[in-house]
Protein backbone atom coordinates (compact mmCIF):
# COMPACT_ATOMS: atom_id res chain seq x y z
CA MET A 1 0.32 -0.05 0.14
CA PRO A 2 1.56 3.80 -0.65
CA VAL A 3 3.45 5.13 1.80
CA LEU A 4 2.69 9.30 2.40
CA SER A 5 4.84 11.60 0.87
CA SER A 6 6.21 15.10 1.47
CA VAL A 7 7.55 17.77 -0.28
CA LYS A 8 8.20 21.56 0.82
CA PRO A 9 6.19 23.53 -1.61
CA PRO A 10 7.83 25.66 -4.28
CA PRO A 11 8.86 29.15 -3.51
CA VAL A 12 5.91 30.75 -5.38
CA VAL A 13 3.48 29.28 -2.39
CA ASP A 14 5.62 31.63 0.46
CA ARG A 15 4.83 34.40 -2.07
CA LEU A 16 1.27 33.99 -2.04
CA LEU A 17 0.46 32.73 0.98
CA ALA A 18 1.77 36.33 2.61
CA GLU A 19 -0.57 38.11 0.48
CA PRO A 20 -3.06 40.32 2.23
CA ALA A 21 -6.73 39.15 3.21
CA ARG A 22 -8.25 38.95 -0.28
CA LYS A 23 -11.45 40.86 -1.63
CA MET A 24 -14.23 40.24 -3.91
CA LEU A 25 -14.11 41.99 -6.96
CA ILE A 26 -17.45 43.85 -7.89
CA GLY A 27 -17.65 46.47 -10.39
CA GLY A 28 -14.26 47.08 -10.85
CA GLU A 29 -13.38 47.62 -7.16
CA TRP A 30 -12.17 45.41 -4.73
CA VAL A 31 -14.04 44.70 -1.82
CA GLU A 32 -15.10 43.61 1.42
CA ALA A 33 -18.03 41.86 2.40
CA ARG A 34 -20.63 44.56 3.62
CA SER A 35 -20.80 42.57 6.86
CA GLY A 36 -17.54 42.59 7.39
CA LYS A 37 -17.56 38.40 7.97
CA THR A 38 -15.05 36.40 6.18
CA PHE A 39 -14.55 32.67 6.13
CA GLU A 40 -11.13 30.43 6.67
CA VAL A 41 -9.73 28.35 3.78
CA VAL A 42 -7.79 25.49 4.48
CA ASP A 43 -5.20 23.17 2.74
CA PRO A 44 -5.94 19.72 2.14
CA THR A 45 -2.40 18.82 2.13
CA THR A 46 -1.86 19.93 5.34
CA ALA A 47 -5.03 20.98 6.94
CA ARG A 48 -3.65 24.47 7.55
CA VAL A 49 -5.45 27.70 7.27
CA ILE A 50 -3.97 29.77 4.47
CA ALA A 51 -6.07 32.28 3.47
CA THR A 52 -9.24 34.45 4.90
CA VAL A 53 -11.83 35.33 2.14
CA PRO A 54 -14.92 37.27 2.49
CA GLU A 55 -18.47 35.93 3.21
CA ALA A 56 -20.54 37.83 0.63
CA ASP A 57 -24.37 37.50 1.78
CA ARG A 58 -27.58 39.15 -0.42
CA ALA A 59 -26.68 42.81 -0.36
CA ASP A 60 -23.02 41.95 -2.13
CA VAL A 61 -24.74 40.02 -4.26
CA ASP A 62 -27.30 42.57 -4.96
CA ALA A 63 -24.06 45.08 -5.88
CA ALA A 64 -22.86 42.64 -7.87
CA VAL A 65 -25.73 41.87 -10.19
CA GLY A 66 -26.24 46.00 -10.06
CA ALA A 67 -22.61 45.85 -11.34
CA ALA A 68 -23.26 43.07 -14.22
CA ARG A 69 -27.07 44.49 -15.44
CA ALA A 70 -24.84 48.13 -15.79
CA ALA A 71 -21.85 46.73 -17.84
CA LEU A 72 -23.78 44.77 -20.01
CA ASP A 73 -26.39 47.81 -20.47
CA GLY A 74 -23.44 50.01 -21.27
CA PRO A 75 -19.96 49.78 -22.31
CA TRP A 76 -19.83 46.62 -23.04
CA SER A 77 -22.77 46.27 -25.05
CA ARG A 78 -21.22 48.66 -27.58
CA LEU A 79 -18.15 46.64 -27.79
CA LEU A 80 -17.58 44.87 -31.88
CA PRO A 81 -17.66 41.69 -31.54
CA HIS A 82 -13.91 41.54 -32.86
CA GLU A 83 -12.99 44.02 -29.49
CA ARG A 84 -14.62 41.27 -27.33
CA GLN A 85 -12.30 38.69 -28.91
CA ALA A 86 -9.53 40.48 -28.35
CA LEU A 87 -9.66 41.20 -24.72
CA ILE A 88 -10.87 37.23 -24.16
CA LEU A 89 -7.67 36.79 -26.44
CA ARG A 90 -5.64 38.76 -23.53
CA LEU A 91 -7.00 37.09 -20.58
CA ALA A 92 -5.88 33.88 -22.44
CA ASP A 93 -2.26 35.23 -22.71
CA LEU A 94 -2.64 36.48 -19.09
CA VAL A 95 -3.55 33.14 -17.83
CA GLU A 96 -0.29 31.73 -19.21
CA GLU A 97 1.70 34.76 -18.06
CA HIS A 98 0.29 33.74 -14.21
CA GLY A 99 0.26 30.10 -14.81
CA GLU A 100 2.70 29.17 -12.66
CA GLU A 101 1.28 30.81 -9.66
CA ILE A 102 -2.18 29.46 -10.77
CA ALA A 103 -1.43 26.11 -10.98
CA ALA A 104 0.15 26.73 -7.20
CA LEU A 105 -2.77 28.02 -5.96
CA GLU A 106 -4.48 25.32 -6.95
CA THR A 107 -2.36 22.73 -5.84
CA LEU A 108 -2.43 24.38 -2.27
CA ASN A 109 -5.71 25.20 -2.19
CA GLN A 110 -7.58 21.81 -3.58
CA GLY A 111 -4.59 19.50 -3.21
CA LYS A 112 -4.74 18.30 -6.99
CA LEU A 113 -1.44 17.76 -8.11
CA LEU A 114 0.91 20.01 -9.57
CA ALA A 115 1.45 18.93 -12.75
CA VAL A 116 -2.30 18.45 -13.04
CA ALA A 117 -3.04 22.29 -12.00
CA GLU A 118 -0.24 23.29 -14.66
CA THR A 119 -2.34 20.84 -17.80
CA VAL A 120 -5.93 21.36 -16.50
CA GLU A 121 -6.11 24.36 -14.76
CA VAL A 122 -3.74 26.71 -16.71
CA GLU A 123 -2.84 25.33 -20.38
CA MET A 124 -6.70 23.71 -20.76
CA ALA A 125 -8.07 26.86 -19.61
CA ALA A 126 -5.81 29.24 -21.94
CA ASP A 127 -7.10 26.74 -24.46
CA TYR A 128 -10.71 27.45 -23.77
CA LEU A 129 -10.89 30.95 -23.76
CA ARG A 130 -8.78 30.70 -26.80
CA TYR A 131 -11.76 28.73 -28.45
CA MET A 132 -14.29 30.29 -26.77
CA ALA A 133 -12.92 33.58 -28.38
CA GLY A 134 -13.19 32.86 -31.80
CA TRP A 135 -16.89 32.47 -31.16
CA ALA A 136 -17.22 36.30 -30.68
CA THR A 137 -16.96 37.09 -34.25
CA LYS A 138 -19.04 34.12 -35.93
CA LEU A 139 -22.39 34.31 -34.17
CA GLU A 140 -25.00 34.09 -36.79
CA GLY A 141 -28.66 33.71 -37.80
CA SER A 142 -31.00 32.91 -40.55
CA THR A 143 -33.08 34.14 -43.32
CA LEU A 144 -36.13 32.97 -43.43
CA GLN A 145 -38.46 32.62 -45.81
CA LEU A 146 -41.98 33.16 -45.10
CA SER A 147 -45.18 31.86 -46.41
CA PRO A 148 -48.08 33.94 -44.47
CA ARG A 149 -51.67 34.24 -46.25
CA MET A 150 -51.72 37.47 -45.54
CA THR A 151 -53.39 40.98 -47.77
CA GLU A 152 -52.05 40.24 -51.51
CA GLY A 153 -49.28 41.74 -53.05
CA VAL A 154 -47.50 42.46 -49.24
CA GLY A 155 -43.94 41.05 -48.84
CA TYR A 156 -42.20 40.01 -46.39
CA HIS A 157 -38.62 39.10 -45.12
CA ALA A 158 -37.51 37.78 -41.70
CA PHE A 159 -34.32 36.95 -40.20
CA THR A 160 -33.46 35.53 -36.65
CA ARG A 161 -30.46 37.14 -34.60
CA PRO A 162 -28.72 35.89 -31.67
CA GLU A 163 -28.30 38.21 -29.21
CA PRO A 164 -26.94 37.67 -25.30
CA VAL A 165 -29.07 36.25 -22.74
CA GLY A 166 -28.06 38.85 -20.47
CA VAL A 167 -26.68 38.21 -16.55
CA VAL A 168 -25.14 34.75 -16.40
CA ALA A 169 -24.84 33.60 -12.40
CA CYS A 170 -21.42 31.14 -13.01
CA ILE A 171 -21.43 28.79 -10.36
CA VAL A 172 -18.39 26.75 -9.93
CA PRO A 173 -17.52 22.96 -7.75
CA TRP A 174 -14.26 22.76 -6.34
CA ASN A 175 -12.65 20.01 -8.10
CA PHE A 176 -11.41 21.72 -11.07
CA PRO A 177 -11.94 25.85 -9.84
CA HIS A 178 -10.19 27.57 -12.46
CA LEU A 179 -10.90 25.53 -15.21
CA MET A 180 -15.03 25.45 -14.59
CA ALA A 181 -15.27 29.16 -14.27
CA VAL A 182 -13.19 29.43 -17.48
CA TRP A 183 -15.84 26.97 -18.99
CA LYS A 184 -19.02 29.34 -17.69
CA VAL A 185 -17.11 32.66 -18.09
CA ALA A 186 -15.87 32.48 -21.58
CA PRO A 187 -18.83 31.40 -23.59
CA ALA A 188 -20.42 34.39 -21.17
CA LEU A 189 -17.90 36.76 -22.91
CA ALA A 190 -17.59 35.64 -26.07
CA THR A 191 -21.21 36.07 -26.48
CA GLY A 192 -21.51 39.74 -24.81
CA CYS A 193 -22.93 38.53 -21.58
CA THR A 194 -21.51 40.32 -18.48
CA ALA A 195 -20.87 37.48 -15.27
CA VAL A 196 -21.43 37.26 -11.20
CA LEU A 197 -18.99 34.03 -10.64
CA LYS A 198 -19.43 32.44 -7.49
CA PRO A 199 -16.53 29.72 -6.55
CA ALA A 200 -17.16 27.55 -4.22
CA GLU A 201 -16.19 27.95 -0.61
CA GLN A 202 -13.66 24.99 -0.40
CA THR A 203 -11.44 26.81 -2.99
CA PRO A 204 -12.09 30.50 -4.07
CA LEU A 205 -8.65 31.57 -4.65
CA THR A 206 -7.99 31.38 -8.36
CA ALA A 207 -11.32 32.80 -8.85
CA LEU A 208 -9.88 35.70 -7.15
CA LYS A 209 -6.90 35.92 -9.08
CA PHE A 210 -8.80 34.85 -12.19
CA ALA A 211 -10.44 38.09 -11.56
CA ALA A 212 -7.29 40.53 -11.36
CA LEU A 213 -6.74 38.60 -14.63
CA VAL A 214 -10.13 39.85 -16.37
CA GLU A 215 -9.26 43.75 -14.52
CA GLU A 216 -5.62 43.89 -16.25
CA ALA A 217 -6.53 42.34 -19.39
CA GLY A 218 -9.09 45.70 -19.64
CA PHE A 219 -12.25 44.08 -19.23
CA PRO A 220 -14.97 47.29 -18.48
CA PRO A 221 -15.74 47.24 -14.74
CA GLY A 222 -18.47 45.08 -13.92
CA VAL A 223 -18.29 42.53 -17.01
CA VAL A 224 -16.70 39.80 -14.31
CA ASN A 225 -17.86 39.92 -11.03
CA VAL A 226 -16.78 37.69 -8.13
CA VAL A 227 -18.39 36.76 -4.62
CA THR A 228 -17.16 34.65 -2.57
CA GLY A 229 -19.31 32.52 -0.04
CA HIS A 230 -20.96 29.16 0.93
CA GLY A 231 -24.36 27.56 -0.82
CA GLU A 232 -26.05 29.64 2.13
CA PRO A 233 -26.30 32.66 2.20
CA THR A 234 -24.24 33.38 -1.14
CA GLY A 235 -25.16 31.07 -3.87
CA ALA A 236 -29.04 30.77 -2.94
CA ALA A 237 -28.91 35.01 -3.17
CA LEU A 238 -27.88 34.78 -6.51
CA VAL A 239 -29.92 31.52 -7.64
CA LYS A 240 -32.81 33.46 -6.27
CA HIS A 241 -32.11 36.93 -7.50
CA LYS A 242 -34.63 38.28 -10.29
CA GLY A 243 -31.89 40.29 -11.91
CA ILE A 244 -29.57 36.98 -12.99
CA ASP A 245 -30.99 36.02 -16.57
CA LYS A 246 -29.47 32.46 -16.75
CA ILE A 247 -27.38 29.99 -14.29
CA ALA A 248 -24.61 27.88 -15.32
CA PHE A 249 -23.79 25.43 -12.63
CA THR A 250 -21.51 22.52 -12.27
CA GLY A 251 -21.90 20.50 -8.95
CA SER A 252 -23.99 17.72 -7.36
CA THR A 253 -27.40 16.89 -8.75
CA ALA A 254 -29.04 17.42 -5.31
CA VAL A 255 -27.84 21.25 -5.23
CA GLY A 256 -28.89 21.22 -9.35
CA LYS A 257 -32.53 19.90 -8.78
CA ARG A 258 -32.52 22.74 -5.89
CA ILE A 259 -31.13 25.63 -8.47
CA GLY A 260 -33.87 24.58 -11.07
CA VAL A 261 -36.80 24.54 -9.10
CA GLU A 262 -35.61 28.03 -7.87
CA ALA A 263 -34.64 28.71 -11.48
CA MET A 264 -37.97 28.64 -12.46
CA LYS A 265 -39.76 30.58 -10.27
CA ASN A 266 -38.26 33.51 -12.37
CA MET A 267 -38.14 31.80 -15.30
CA THR A 268 -34.05 32.26 -15.63
CA ARG A 269 -32.66 29.70 -17.94
CA VAL A 270 -30.55 27.22 -16.63
CA SER A 271 -27.89 24.69 -17.33
CA LEU A 272 -26.79 22.08 -14.94
CA GLU A 273 -23.56 19.79 -15.83
CA LEU A 274 -24.97 17.71 -12.83
CA GLY A 275 -23.50 13.69 -10.71
CA GLY A 276 -22.25 10.96 -12.28
CA LYS A 277 -21.82 7.17 -11.81
CA SER A 278 -19.76 6.41 -14.87
CA PRO A 279 -19.37 2.35 -16.20
CA VAL A 280 -16.22 0.75 -17.69
CA LEU A 281 -17.20 -1.55 -19.75
CA VAL A 282 -14.40 -4.10 -20.71
CA LEU A 283 -15.32 -6.77 -23.07
CA ASP A 284 -13.49 -9.95 -23.51
CA ASP A 285 -11.03 -9.56 -25.96
CA ILE A 286 -9.43 -6.47 -23.53
CA ASP A 287 -5.66 -7.80 -22.59
CA PRO A 288 -6.14 -6.88 -18.80
CA GLU A 289 -2.03 -5.93 -19.18
CA PHE A 290 -3.40 -2.62 -21.03
CA ILE A 291 -7.09 -2.00 -19.13
CA GLY A 292 -5.00 -2.51 -15.52
CA PRO A 293 -2.68 1.07 -15.95
CA ALA A 294 -5.41 2.46 -18.45
CA MET A 295 -8.54 2.16 -15.59
CA LEU A 296 -6.14 4.16 -12.99
CA GLY A 297 -5.97 7.52 -14.83
CA GLY A 298 -10.15 7.02 -15.22
CA LEU A 299 -10.74 6.39 -12.40
CA PHE A 300 -8.11 7.99 -9.71
CA PHE A 301 -6.80 11.07 -11.76
CA ASN A 302 -7.73 13.82 -9.54
CA SER A 303 -8.01 11.38 -6.66
CA GLY A 304 -11.32 10.81 -8.00
CA GLN A 305 -12.85 13.84 -7.57
CA GLN A 306 -14.22 14.07 -11.44
CA CYS A 307 -17.78 13.90 -12.16
CA VAL A 308 -16.61 11.23 -14.91
CA ALA A 309 -15.06 9.09 -12.86
CA GLY A 310 -15.38 5.50 -14.53
CA SER A 311 -16.24 4.41 -10.85
CA ARG A 312 -18.08 1.01 -11.63
CA LEU A 313 -16.17 -1.45 -13.38
CA TYR A 314 -17.58 -3.94 -15.48
CA ALA A 315 -15.74 -6.68 -16.61
CA PRO A 316 -16.56 -10.45 -18.24
CA ALA A 317 -17.48 -13.46 -15.73
CA ARG A 318 -15.38 -15.70 -16.99
CA ARG A 319 -12.23 -12.93 -16.56
CA PHE A 320 -13.18 -11.16 -13.97
CA ASP A 321 -10.88 -11.97 -11.16
CA GLU A 322 -8.01 -11.43 -13.75
CA ILE A 323 -9.13 -8.27 -14.18
CA VAL A 324 -9.65 -7.09 -11.31
CA GLU A 325 -6.28 -8.67 -9.94
CA LYS A 326 -4.23 -6.81 -12.55
CA VAL A 327 -6.22 -3.44 -11.88
CA ALA A 328 -5.58 -3.67 -8.18
CA TYR A 329 -1.72 -4.52 -8.28
CA TYR A 330 -1.87 -1.22 -10.49
CA ALA A 331 -3.07 0.69 -8.15
CA ASP A 332 -1.17 -0.57 -5.66
CA PHE A 333 1.97 1.17 -6.87
CA LEU A 334 0.44 4.74 -6.85
CA LYS A 335 2.48 7.29 -4.34
CA VAL A 336 0.00 9.50 -1.90
CA GLY A 337 0.96 12.46 -0.81
CA SER A 338 2.29 15.89 -1.07
CA PRO A 339 0.60 17.18 -4.40
CA PHE A 340 3.50 19.08 -4.47
CA ASP A 341 5.79 16.15 -4.79
CA PRO A 342 6.44 15.25 -8.40
CA ASN A 343 6.87 11.56 -7.74
CA VAL A 344 3.12 11.36 -6.25
CA GLN A 345 0.24 10.21 -8.75
CA LEU A 346 -2.46 10.54 -5.57
CA GLY A 347 -3.15 13.62 -4.02
CA PRO A 348 -5.61 14.57 -1.26
CA VAL A 349 -9.14 15.05 -1.22
CA VAL A 350 -10.14 18.42 -0.48
CA SER A 351 -11.36 18.26 2.63
CA GLN A 352 -11.79 16.51 6.33
CA VAL A 353 -16.00 16.39 5.25
CA GLN A 354 -15.18 14.86 1.86
CA ARG A 355 -12.59 12.32 3.22
CA ASP A 356 -15.47 11.31 6.19
CA ARG A 357 -18.14 10.72 3.34
CA ILE A 358 -16.20 8.71 1.16
CA LEU A 359 -15.35 6.58 4.60
CA GLU A 360 -18.69 6.22 5.00
CA TYR A 361 -19.18 4.99 1.41
CA ILE A 362 -16.43 2.13 1.90
CA GLU A 363 -17.78 1.37 5.60
CA SER A 364 -21.50 1.13 4.58
CA GLY A 365 -19.55 -1.70 1.01
CA ARG A 366 -18.68 -3.28 4.04
CA ALA A 367 -21.43 -3.62 5.99
CA ASP A 368 -23.34 -4.75 2.80
CA GLY A 369 -21.04 -7.48 1.91
CA ALA A 370 -18.30 -5.95 -0.39
CA GLU A 371 -14.78 -7.24 -0.24
CA VAL A 372 -12.57 -4.85 -0.22
CA VAL A 373 -9.64 -5.79 -2.76
CA LEU A 374 -7.45 -2.95 -2.27
CA GLY A 375 -7.59 -0.26 0.35
CA GLY A 376 -10.34 0.76 2.48
CA GLY A 377 -8.99 3.49 4.65
CA VAL A 378 -6.76 6.97 5.29
CA ILE A 379 -3.25 7.41 5.27
CA GLU A 380 -2.07 8.91 7.99
CA GLY A 381 -1.04 12.38 8.22
CA ASP A 382 -1.93 16.08 8.78
CA GLY A 383 -4.54 16.20 5.36
CA TYR A 384 -7.33 14.24 4.24
CA PHE A 385 -5.84 11.39 2.07
CA VAL A 386 -7.44 8.45 1.69
CA GLU A 387 -5.86 5.21 0.20
CA PRO A 388 -7.25 3.75 -3.19
CA THR A 389 -9.94 1.93 -3.12
CA ILE A 390 -11.57 -1.29 -4.84
CA LEU A 391 -14.73 -3.84 -3.59
CA ALA A 392 -15.88 -6.81 -5.78
CA ASN A 393 -18.89 -8.36 -4.83
CA THR A 394 -20.89 -5.22 -5.39
CA SER A 395 -23.99 -5.42 -6.56
CA HIS A 396 -27.13 -2.55 -7.90
CA ASP A 397 -28.35 -2.36 -4.10
CA MET A 398 -25.69 -1.15 -2.69
CA ARG A 399 -25.38 2.23 -2.15
CA VAL A 400 -21.66 2.17 -3.28
CA VAL A 401 -22.80 1.31 -6.77
CA ARG A 402 -25.82 3.59 -6.53
CA GLU A 403 -24.56 6.47 -5.42
CA GLU A 404 -22.00 9.51 -6.27
CA ILE A 405 -18.94 8.82 -4.12
CA PHE A 406 -16.52 11.43 -5.59
CA GLY A 407 -13.71 9.47 -4.22
CA PRO A 408 -10.82 7.15 -5.25
CA VAL A 409 -13.05 3.77 -5.16
CA LEU A 410 -13.84 1.28 -7.43
CA VAL A 411 -16.67 -0.90 -7.62
CA ALA A 412 -16.53 -3.78 -9.96
CA MET A 413 -19.21 -6.62 -10.95
CA PRO A 414 -19.03 -9.68 -13.67
CA TYR A 415 -21.79 -9.56 -16.53
CA ARG A 416 -22.84 -12.83 -18.65
CA ASP A 417 -23.38 -11.17 -22.32
CA LEU A 418 -23.67 -7.90 -23.85
CA ASP A 419 -27.55 -7.60 -22.96
CA ASP A 420 -26.94 -7.79 -19.46
CA LEU A 421 -23.86 -5.84 -19.59
CA VAL A 422 -25.85 -2.83 -21.11
CA GLU A 423 -28.69 -3.36 -18.54
CA LYS A 424 -26.43 -2.90 -15.91
CA ALA A 425 -24.84 -0.20 -17.03
CA ASN A 426 -27.62 1.86 -17.69
CA ASP A 427 -29.31 0.75 -14.22
CA THR A 428 -28.42 4.12 -12.54
CA GLU A 429 -30.36 7.65 -12.33
CA TYR A 430 -26.88 9.20 -13.72
CA GLY A 431 -26.22 9.66 -17.74
CA LEU A 432 -23.07 11.56 -17.62
CA ALA A 433 -20.57 9.19 -19.68
CA ALA A 434 -19.15 5.72 -20.35
CA SER A 435 -16.27 4.41 -21.59
CA ILE A 436 -16.06 0.56 -23.87
CA TRP A 437 -13.04 -1.28 -24.08
CA SER A 438 -12.22 -3.72 -27.15
CA GLN A 439 -10.82 -3.94 -30.49
CA ASN A 440 -14.12 -5.04 -31.63
CA LEU A 441 -14.94 -2.35 -33.73
CA SER A 442 -18.61 -4.09 -34.35
CA ARG A 443 -19.13 -4.92 -30.65
CA VAL A 444 -18.22 -1.19 -29.92
CA LEU A 445 -20.67 0.27 -32.55
CA GLU A 446 -23.36 -2.06 -31.42
CA LEU A 447 -23.05 -0.73 -27.42
CA ILE A 448 -22.38 2.91 -27.92
CA PRO A 449 -26.46 3.69 -28.85
CA ARG A 450 -27.07 1.51 -26.68
CA ILE A 451 -25.79 2.95 -23.20
CA ARG A 452 -27.49 6.44 -21.98
CA ALA A 453 -24.88 8.53 -21.28
CA GLY A 454 -23.51 12.16 -22.78
CA THR A 455 -20.19 10.95 -23.44
CA VAL A 456 -18.81 7.61 -24.99
CA TRP A 457 -15.14 6.96 -24.74
CA VAL A 458 -14.27 3.65 -26.74
CA ASN A 459 -10.45 2.41 -25.35
CA THR A 460 -9.78 5.92 -23.54
CA HIS A 461 -11.42 7.63 -20.62
CA GLY A 462 -11.78 11.23 -19.48
CA VAL A 463 -10.72 12.92 -22.96
CA LEU A 464 -12.52 16.50 -22.55
CA ASP A 465 -12.10 19.02 -25.83
CA ALA A 466 -13.30 22.36 -26.53
CA ASN A 467 -15.08 21.99 -29.56
CA MET A 468 -16.72 18.21 -27.89
CA PRO A 469 -19.75 19.04 -26.69
CA PHE A 470 -20.19 17.82 -22.62
CA GLY A 471 -23.25 17.30 -20.50
CA GLY A 472 -25.37 13.93 -19.22
CA PHE A 473 -28.22 12.49 -19.87
CA LYS A 474 -30.68 11.40 -16.57
CA GLN A 475 -30.46 13.20 -13.92
CA SER A 476 -26.88 13.93 -14.33
CA GLY A 477 -27.51 17.35 -15.81
CA ILE A 478 -29.35 19.69 -18.58
CA GLY A 479 -27.76 21.27 -21.16
CA ARG A 480 -24.30 21.31 -22.58
CA GLU A 481 -21.10 22.75 -22.63
CA HIS A 482 -18.37 23.42 -25.24
CA GLY A 483 -18.47 23.88 -28.88
CA ARG A 484 -21.44 25.43 -30.34
CA ALA A 485 -23.98 23.63 -27.94
CA ALA A 486 -22.52 26.07 -25.14
CA ILE A 487 -23.08 29.31 -27.30
CA ASP A 488 -26.65 28.37 -28.02
CA HIS A 489 -27.09 28.38 -23.55
CA TYR A 490 -25.43 32.17 -23.47
CA THR A 491 -27.85 33.57 -26.38
CA GLU A 492 -31.84 34.23 -27.37
CA THR A 493 -32.75 34.15 -30.44
CA LYS A 494 -34.72 36.90 -31.71
CA SER A 495 -37.03 36.47 -34.39
CA VAL A 496 -37.91 39.74 -37.17
CA CYS A 497 -40.24 40.22 -39.77
CA ILE A 498 -40.19 42.85 -41.82
CA ALA A 499 -43.40 43.74 -44.26
CA TYR A 500 -42.76 45.96 -47.39
């Protein structure tokens, strides 16, 4: 079993920790909460407090929404598309220029490996900004041919035009804080919307850094505002605010449902990217030596704290023990410890609350009769470390199989034939993603349309791209992120009819 590793963080961390108490960006001004309230931010690797940030309430949210509305109706609306594009491209450049700080902040605050923060939170975020910047100059409507039975001799010219939906509430989770903020804010900016960004209370630091880069890039005041706080009162005030035209949310299905209900009270547009319990479908032609290490990234990436984690493994009954044994063999080599250590493959989970939640799920699996093939406990230390865990002898009536754990826990089950495999893969309230592992193209193509999931990967797991729509079936959400599909969620279609 892995041994906890420790390493001294790079010098940039000391500089970041020495910064004064953080403030929020509202209407181009750096402000404290009007109530004066703050809350503490913790490093999950050491369990120590690393910063204090404002606890926004309704008054702060009112100010942020008001600033966003003023910017929407003011200077931002008068910019030409290529001017919006130039600002977003400048922001992408700044993300790269400040990449060392962003990556270090994310590793310090969220606990993800530094290499992952550099690749995902910096490089992918910069690429995403550049992709969305291109859409600013490519929005288009349609010319329509009408045939109404109206007054003879009257002609009609009709067309559609996309217009910004308005002020967008961008509410992001704690697993990929900076990237998720960019996923929400970038399409809003490209389409001419303004934004109020609310990061998760566990991981607010890179959102505030992002706000500083927005300011440095030269965006008009109020185009992007950042408020920090908990779900109550900050998030609730934002979701219920009548000045919000659209909510873009990523998080749990339970919270997403509550947001959806509140949004409908004001007829607020909403897109929800929610939970997942993604199946990994291994067919009988796959070599266990291949699937063993391949599974590690699909599940244990970011310590299993990913909505698309391949957390349900289905292997053919006749090869089940062999495949599970091979996955466990490779997982046992994972080194756990400081995410600043380049030799570590598994960092901490984000908080003590999350660690305790994961352990409770593991214990419930044990109580229901699951076999702990690997792990199953914590790794002693100051931070919030959970052993990579594999459970066998599981079934679909167990919570560990049915519910999203959001941690480094894999449940493994055998199947008899393809019909049995499809039935088990779809036997879930979720439908975010799935992966199929086989070299048999005919069987892969047969399975793809039968799997109820928004993304199906083949011989890989977890690949996302700015140009590939991403979202879920069933209770994994409403709407899509990325590509043209995302742009459509940030615009309203206006029809125009002219008589002549």
